Amino acid sequence: MSAVDVQGLVKTYGETRAVDGVSFTVQEGDIFGLIGPNGAGKTTILRIISTLLQITDGRVSVFGNDVKENAHSVRQVISYLPEDAGAYKNLTGQSYLQFIAHFFDDCNDEVEMVDRGIAIANLGKRITDKIEHYSKGMTRRLLVARALMMDPQLAILDEPTSGLDVINAREIRSIIKNTAQRGGTILLSSHNMLEVEYLCQRIALINNGVIVETGTPFALKEKYNADTIEDVFIEVVQ
């Protein structure tokens, strides 16, 4: 069974077609990347898969569950981290993870979940500091830990390293890779094409709400005789 199956997806806002007939499949255990410039439709697609936006037309399923007809079942197996996610600044990092863990009524071991989040965040003694004293990179690492600590079948990450410096971005990429190696499926978006080329087994290049190419980074570079996926993207949208 595929983790995510998107077929003919359309999302309109009035006369604007933010997503225009998009189709792609994410296989279980893969890191799949949606790559494109800001405003290309990446976030809209992720929000639809996360059941936060309604579909205008087309079909989307997550592990066989239709996002429109079985939204509750989809929410049981996913975790979604928006690009603009924030945390409660008056809480410590540890208290924040404990607060989030309380929402998972079916969790048999809340302590184990929080311990896993602390390990993923890797903030050392700073985990007991208030979030208001965290840098942007530390906060983002905590938020990624929040998204991954419950071991979701599918983690949906929107621009996970946006705005981070090289060191923190590298830490986040390492966390994502380790999650996939433990058997999780990752769907992420980014406008950083070199980063996604490094992380992903398969990618979809999207521009103006339309997927212009899909495949493995290696195959796409071979097809277009390109050195990077950035070069491929420029070639296909010209």
Protein backbone atom coordinates (compact mmCIF):
# COMPACT_ATOMS: atom_id res chain seq x y z
CA MET A 1 0.00 0.00 0.00
CA SER A 2 1.27 3.50 -0.83
CA ALA A 3 1.58 5.95 2.05
CA VAL A 4 0.08 8.83 0.05
CA ASP A 5 -1.82 8.70 -3.24
CA VAL A 6 -2.77 12.00 -4.87
CA GLN A 7 -4.75 11.90 -8.11
CA GLY A 8 -5.94 14.89 -10.11
CA LEU A 9 -5.89 17.21 -7.11
CA VAL A 10 -7.40 20.66 -7.67
CA LYS A 11 -7.74 23.46 -5.13
CA THR A 12 -9.27 26.77 -6.09
CA TYR A 13 -9.77 30.04 -4.24
CA GLY A 14 -12.38 31.90 -6.23
CA GLU A 15 -10.97 32.06 -9.76
CA THR A 16 -7.42 31.23 -8.62
CA ARG A 17 -6.27 27.63 -9.10
CA ALA A 18 -3.66 27.19 -6.37
CA VAL A 19 -3.30 23.49 -7.26
CA ASP A 20 -4.13 22.40 -10.78
CA GLY A 21 -4.50 18.66 -11.45
CA VAL A 22 -1.62 17.39 -9.30
CA SER A 23 -0.89 13.65 -9.12
CA PHE A 24 1.88 11.80 -7.27
CA THR A 25 2.44 8.79 -5.01
CA VAL A 26 4.58 8.44 -1.90
CA GLN A 27 5.74 4.92 -1.09
CA GLU A 28 5.84 3.72 2.50
CA GLY A 29 9.25 4.28 4.09
CA ASP A 30 10.35 6.96 1.62
CA ILE A 31 11.35 10.57 2.06
CA PHE A 32 9.43 12.37 -0.69
CA GLY A 33 10.01 16.02 -1.47
CA LEU A 34 7.80 18.66 -3.05
CA ILE A 35 10.18 21.21 -4.52
CA GLY A 36 9.39 24.62 -5.93
CA PRO A 37 9.50 28.36 -5.35
CA ASN A 38 7.40 30.16 -2.75
CA GLY A 39 3.76 30.29 -3.85
CA ALA A 40 4.03 27.22 -6.07
CA GLY A 41 1.30 25.31 -4.19
CA LYS A 42 3.41 23.13 -1.90
CA THR A 43 1.86 24.25 1.38
CA THR A 44 -1.67 23.98 -0.02
CA ILE A 45 -1.03 20.36 -1.00
CA LEU A 46 0.40 19.50 2.42
CA ARG A 47 -2.56 21.10 4.19
CA ILE A 48 -5.00 19.10 2.09
CA ILE A 49 -3.16 15.85 2.86
CA SER A 50 -3.21 16.86 6.54
CA THR A 51 -7.05 17.29 6.33
CA LEU A 52 -6.79 21.03 7.10
CA LEU A 53 -8.13 22.16 3.70
CA GLN A 54 -11.00 20.81 1.64
CA ILE A 55 -10.43 19.43 -1.84
CA THR A 56 -12.03 21.24 -4.78
CA ASP A 57 -11.60 18.24 -7.08
CA GLY A 58 -9.58 15.05 -7.31
CA ARG A 59 -8.74 12.37 -4.75
CA VAL A 60 -6.22 12.05 -1.93
CA SER A 61 -5.70 9.04 0.32
CA VAL A 62 -3.28 8.31 3.17
CA PHE A 63 -2.58 4.64 3.83
CA GLY A 64 -5.82 3.86 2.00
CA ASN A 65 -7.91 6.38 3.95
CA ASP A 66 -9.63 9.06 1.87
CA VAL A 67 -8.83 12.48 3.38
CA LYS A 68 -12.34 13.72 2.68
CA GLU A 69 -14.38 10.68 3.73
CA ASN A 70 -12.12 9.37 6.52
CA ALA A 71 -10.38 12.46 7.86
CA HIS A 72 -10.35 11.13 11.42
CA SER A 73 -8.53 7.96 10.35
CA VAL A 74 -5.97 10.05 8.47
CA ARG A 75 -5.32 12.20 11.53
CA GLN A 76 -4.63 9.07 13.57
CA VAL A 77 -1.57 8.18 11.50
CA ILE A 78 -0.02 11.55 10.56
CA SER A 79 1.86 14.38 12.16
CA TYR A 80 1.99 17.81 10.49
CA LEU A 81 4.52 20.57 11.11
CA PRO A 82 3.66 23.88 9.40
CA GLU A 83 6.41 26.25 8.32
CA ASP A 84 5.07 28.95 10.62
CA ALA A 85 4.50 26.69 13.65
CA GLY A 86 5.18 28.20 17.05
CA ALA A 87 5.53 26.97 20.62
CA TYR A 88 4.31 28.30 23.97
CA LYS A 89 7.16 30.58 25.00
CA ASN A 90 6.30 30.55 28.71
CA LEU A 91 6.85 26.77 28.89
CA THR A 92 10.16 24.98 29.07
CA GLY A 93 11.06 22.72 26.16
CA GLN A 94 10.36 19.65 28.29
CA SER A 95 7.04 21.00 29.56
CA TYR A 96 5.99 21.78 26.00
CA LEU A 97 6.64 18.19 24.89
CA GLN A 98 4.73 16.91 27.93
CA PHE A 99 1.83 19.24 27.13
CA ILE A 100 1.65 17.93 23.54
CA ALA A 101 1.90 14.31 24.70
CA HIS A 102 -1.23 14.78 26.84
CA PHE A 103 -3.32 15.05 23.64
CA PHE A 104 -2.58 11.46 22.67
CA ASP A 105 -5.18 9.58 24.67
CA ASP A 106 -4.27 6.24 23.09
CA CYS A 107 -0.60 6.58 24.03
CA ASN A 108 0.32 3.78 26.44
CA ASP A 109 3.52 5.40 27.61
CA GLU A 110 3.49 9.18 27.66
CA VAL A 111 6.84 9.28 29.46
CA GLU A 112 8.46 7.24 26.69
CA MET A 113 7.05 9.61 24.07
CA VAL A 114 8.41 12.67 25.86
CA ASP A 115 11.81 11.00 26.36
CA ARG A 116 11.89 10.29 22.62
CA GLY A 117 11.08 13.92 21.90
CA ILE A 118 13.85 15.11 24.21
CA ALA A 119 16.31 12.81 22.44
CA ILE A 120 15.23 14.02 18.99
CA ALA A 121 15.46 17.70 19.98
CA ASN A 122 18.96 17.10 21.40
CA LEU A 123 18.99 20.38 23.32
CA GLY A 124 20.93 19.06 26.30
CA LYS A 125 20.37 20.97 29.54
CA ARG A 126 18.57 23.72 27.60
CA ILE A 127 15.51 21.45 27.38
CA THR A 128 14.55 22.75 30.86
CA ASP A 129 14.90 26.42 29.83
CA LYS A 130 11.88 28.45 28.81
CA ILE A 131 11.26 28.50 25.07
CA GLU A 132 11.32 32.31 25.10
CA HIS A 133 15.08 32.02 25.62
CA TYR A 134 15.61 29.65 22.67
CA SER A 135 17.16 30.67 19.38
CA LYS A 136 15.15 30.14 16.20
CA GLY A 137 17.15 27.00 15.46
CA MET A 138 16.56 25.54 18.93
CA THR A 139 12.84 26.24 18.69
CA ARG A 140 12.64 24.57 15.30
CA ARG A 141 14.44 21.49 16.59
CA LEU A 142 11.93 21.30 19.45
CA LEU A 143 9.02 21.58 16.99
CA VAL A 144 10.45 18.86 14.75
CA ALA A 145 10.81 16.69 17.85
CA ARG A 146 7.17 17.39 18.69
CA ALA A 147 6.14 16.25 15.22
CA LEU A 148 8.19 13.06 15.32
CA MET A 149 8.11 11.92 18.93
CA MET A 150 4.85 9.97 18.54
CA ASP A 151 6.36 7.90 15.70
CA PRO A 152 3.70 8.81 13.11
CA GLN A 153 3.27 6.56 10.10
CA LEU A 154 3.52 9.72 8.00
CA ALA A 155 5.29 12.92 9.03
CA ILE A 156 4.39 15.96 6.92
CA LEU A 157 6.99 18.72 7.24
CA ASP A 158 6.52 22.09 5.55
CA GLU A 159 9.86 23.85 4.94
CA PRO A 160 11.47 22.15 7.96
CA THR A 161 14.74 24.14 7.78
CA SER A 162 13.37 27.46 6.55
CA GLY A 163 15.35 30.40 7.92
CA LEU A 164 17.87 28.29 9.81
CA ASP A 165 21.63 28.64 9.72
CA VAL A 166 23.84 25.93 8.24
CA ILE A 167 24.49 24.10 11.54
CA ASN A 168 20.85 23.96 12.65
CA ALA A 169 19.65 23.03 9.16
CA ARG A 170 22.12 20.16 9.13
CA GLU A 171 20.82 18.97 12.51
CA ILE A 172 17.24 18.98 11.23
CA ARG A 173 18.22 17.05 8.10
CA SER A 174 19.93 14.45 10.28
CA ILE A 175 16.79 14.08 12.41
CA ILE A 176 14.66 13.57 9.28
CA LYS A 177 17.04 10.97 7.86
CA ASN A 178 17.15 9.04 11.14
CA THR A 179 13.34 8.98 11.31
CA ALA A 180 13.11 7.47 7.83
CA GLN A 181 15.77 4.91 8.68
CA ARG A 182 13.59 3.74 11.57
CA GLY A 183 10.81 3.02 9.09
CA GLY A 184 8.84 6.26 9.05
CA THR A 185 7.52 7.91 5.90
CA ILE A 186 8.33 11.58 5.36
CA LEU A 187 6.61 14.03 3.03
CA LEU A 188 8.29 17.41 3.04
CA SER A 189 8.26 20.62 1.05
CA SER A 190 11.11 22.99 0.38
CA HIS A 191 12.31 25.70 -1.93
CA ASN A 192 15.86 24.56 -1.13
CA MET A 193 16.39 22.16 -4.02
CA LEU A 194 19.90 21.11 -3.04
CA GLU A 195 18.69 20.15 0.44
CA VAL A 196 15.83 18.03 -0.86
CA GLU A 197 18.12 16.42 -3.43
CA TYR A 198 20.26 15.27 -0.49
CA LEU A 199 17.34 14.03 1.63
CA CYS A 200 14.81 12.49 -0.74
CA GLN A 201 14.49 9.20 -2.60
CA ARG A 202 11.89 10.75 -4.90
CA ILE A 203 10.84 14.31 -5.62
CA ALA A 204 8.18 16.26 -7.47
CA LEU A 205 9.02 19.64 -9.00
CA ILE A 206 6.06 22.01 -8.78
CA ASN A 207 5.50 25.42 -10.35
CA ASN A 208 2.34 27.55 -10.41
CA GLY A 209 0.27 24.72 -8.94
CA VAL A 210 1.37 22.16 -11.53
CA ILE A 211 3.86 19.32 -11.17
CA VAL A 212 6.36 19.67 -13.99
CA GLU A 213 8.51 16.59 -13.24
CA THR A 214 8.64 13.64 -10.87
CA GLY A 215 11.31 11.03 -10.22
CA THR A 216 14.48 10.24 -8.32
CA PRO A 217 17.07 13.02 -8.14
CA PHE A 218 19.56 10.86 -10.02
CA ALA A 219 17.16 9.97 -12.82
CA LEU A 220 16.06 13.58 -13.31
CA LYS A 221 19.63 14.83 -13.49
CA GLU A 222 20.44 12.10 -16.01
CA LYS A 223 17.36 12.93 -18.09
CA TYR A 224 18.23 16.62 -18.34
CA ASN A 225 22.02 16.21 -18.32
CA ALA A 226 22.14 18.48 -15.28
CA ASP A 227 24.51 18.78 -12.33
CA THR A 228 21.81 19.66 -9.78
CA ILE A 229 18.05 19.47 -9.33
CA GLU A 230 18.05 23.26 -9.38
CA ASP A 231 19.38 23.06 -12.94
CA VAL A 232 16.64 20.53 -13.79
CA PHE A 233 13.94 22.84 -12.43
CA ILE A 234 15.18 25.81 -14.42
CA GLU A 235 15.24 23.65 -17.55
CA VAL A 236 11.68 22.35 -17.22
CA VAL A 237 10.02 25.68 -16.39
CA GLN A 238 11.62 27.69 -19.19
